[in-house]
Amino acid sequence: MLASRPGGALYVGVTNNLARRVWEHKAGRGSDHAQRYKINRLVYYESYPSIADAIQRETSIKHWPRSWKTNLILEMNPIWRDLYEELNA
């Protein structure tokens, strides 16, 4: 899940290469929604063994109320720091 800032606009997506996809968002090559709202901060992620499982989870999260998404982020990342650097460590 990407955010524009703590408590800001959110983007939920699925990819087979998280580091590459976040870099694309940071370079301004994300979705129209992400570009419009400058959503490029990785604040939450999950890994799944199959793409089918990942897509199912993405679809579920996209239909959740914003408060549920926010709680999910806060459990993993209470200060909404950009987790992108951790992917490349």
Protein backbone atom coordinates (compact mmCIF):
# COMPACT_ATOMS: atom_id res chain seq x y z
CA MET A 1 0.00 0.00 0.00
CA LEU A 2 1.34 3.41 -0.93
CA ALA A 3 0.44 6.77 0.58
CA SER A 4 1.02 10.39 -0.33
CA ARG A 5 1.84 11.26 3.29
CA PRO A 6 0.81 10.09 6.77
CA GLY A 7 -2.98 9.96 6.70
CA GLY A 8 -3.00 11.02 3.03
CA ALA A 9 -4.27 9.48 -0.18
CA LEU A 10 -3.82 5.71 -0.53
CA TYR A 11 -3.09 3.32 -3.39
CA VAL A 12 -3.50 -0.46 -3.15
CA GLY A 13 -1.91 -2.62 -5.82
CA VAL A 14 -0.33 -5.97 -6.57
CA THR A 15 2.99 -6.70 -8.27
CA ASN A 16 5.52 -9.48 -8.75
CA ASN A 17 8.40 -7.06 -8.05
CA LEU A 18 7.66 -4.64 -5.22
CA ALA A 19 10.94 -2.70 -5.34
CA ARG A 20 10.57 -2.07 -9.07
CA ARG A 21 6.92 -1.06 -8.79
CA VAL A 22 7.55 1.39 -5.95
CA TRP A 23 10.46 2.87 -7.92
CA GLU A 24 8.07 3.37 -10.86
CA HIS A 25 5.71 5.31 -8.60
CA LYS A 26 8.58 7.39 -7.25
CA ALA A 27 9.66 8.14 -10.82
CA GLY A 28 6.14 9.32 -11.72
CA ARG A 29 5.27 6.21 -13.70
CA GLY A 30 2.53 4.92 -11.41
CA SER A 31 -1.19 4.89 -12.06
CA ASP A 32 -3.03 8.10 -12.97
CA HIS A 33 -4.50 8.18 -9.45
CA ALA A 34 -1.05 7.81 -7.86
CA GLN A 35 0.45 10.48 -10.10
CA ARG A 36 -2.40 12.93 -9.50
CA TYR A 37 -2.13 12.67 -5.72
CA LYS A 38 1.66 12.16 -5.54
CA ILE A 39 1.28 8.74 -3.93
CA ASN A 40 4.77 7.26 -3.76
CA ARG A 41 5.52 6.32 -0.14
CA LEU A 42 5.48 2.57 0.60
CA VAL A 43 3.73 2.29 3.97
CA TYR A 44 2.54 -1.34 4.04
CA TYR A 45 3.10 -4.57 2.17
CA GLU A 46 2.40 -8.29 2.34
CA SER A 47 3.92 -11.23 0.47
CA TYR A 48 2.04 -14.23 -0.89
CA PRO A 49 3.22 -17.53 -2.41
CA SER A 50 0.91 -17.23 -5.43
CA ILE A 51 -0.29 -14.37 -7.58
CA ALA A 52 -3.86 -15.63 -7.20
CA ASP A 53 -3.64 -15.23 -3.41
CA ALA A 54 -2.11 -11.76 -3.80
CA ILE A 55 -4.83 -10.61 -6.19
CA GLN A 56 -7.56 -11.95 -3.89
CA ARG A 57 -6.07 -10.04 -0.93
CA GLU A 58 -5.68 -6.85 -3.01
CA THR A 59 -9.31 -7.02 -4.10
CA SER A 60 -10.46 -7.49 -0.51
CA ILE A 61 -8.41 -4.57 0.81
CA LYS A 62 -9.58 -2.27 -1.98
CA HIS A 63 -13.17 -2.81 -0.81
CA TRP A 64 -12.41 -2.14 2.85
CA PRO A 65 -13.37 1.13 4.56
CA ARG A 66 -10.49 3.58 4.81
CA SER A 67 -10.34 3.14 8.60
CA TRP A 68 -9.54 -0.57 8.19
CA LYS A 69 -6.74 0.22 5.73
CA THR A 70 -5.37 2.83 8.12
CA ASN A 71 -5.42 0.33 11.00
CA LEU A 72 -3.55 -2.19 8.86
CA ILE A 73 -0.85 0.40 8.14
CA LEU A 74 -0.63 1.47 11.78
CA GLU A 75 -0.09 -2.13 12.94
CA MET A 76 2.99 -2.51 10.71
CA ASN A 77 4.16 1.06 10.42
CA PRO A 78 2.78 3.38 13.13
CA ILE A 79 4.73 6.43 11.93
CA TRP A 80 3.98 5.86 8.22
CA ARG A 81 7.69 5.84 7.33
CA ASP A 82 8.63 5.02 3.74
CA LEU A 83 9.52 1.32 3.74
CA TYR A 84 11.07 1.43 0.25
CA GLU A 85 14.63 1.69 1.58
CA GLU A 86 14.13 -1.51 3.58
CA LEU A 87 13.44 -3.40 0.34
CA ASN A 88 16.89 -2.54 -0.96
CA ALA A 89 18.80 -3.15 2.30
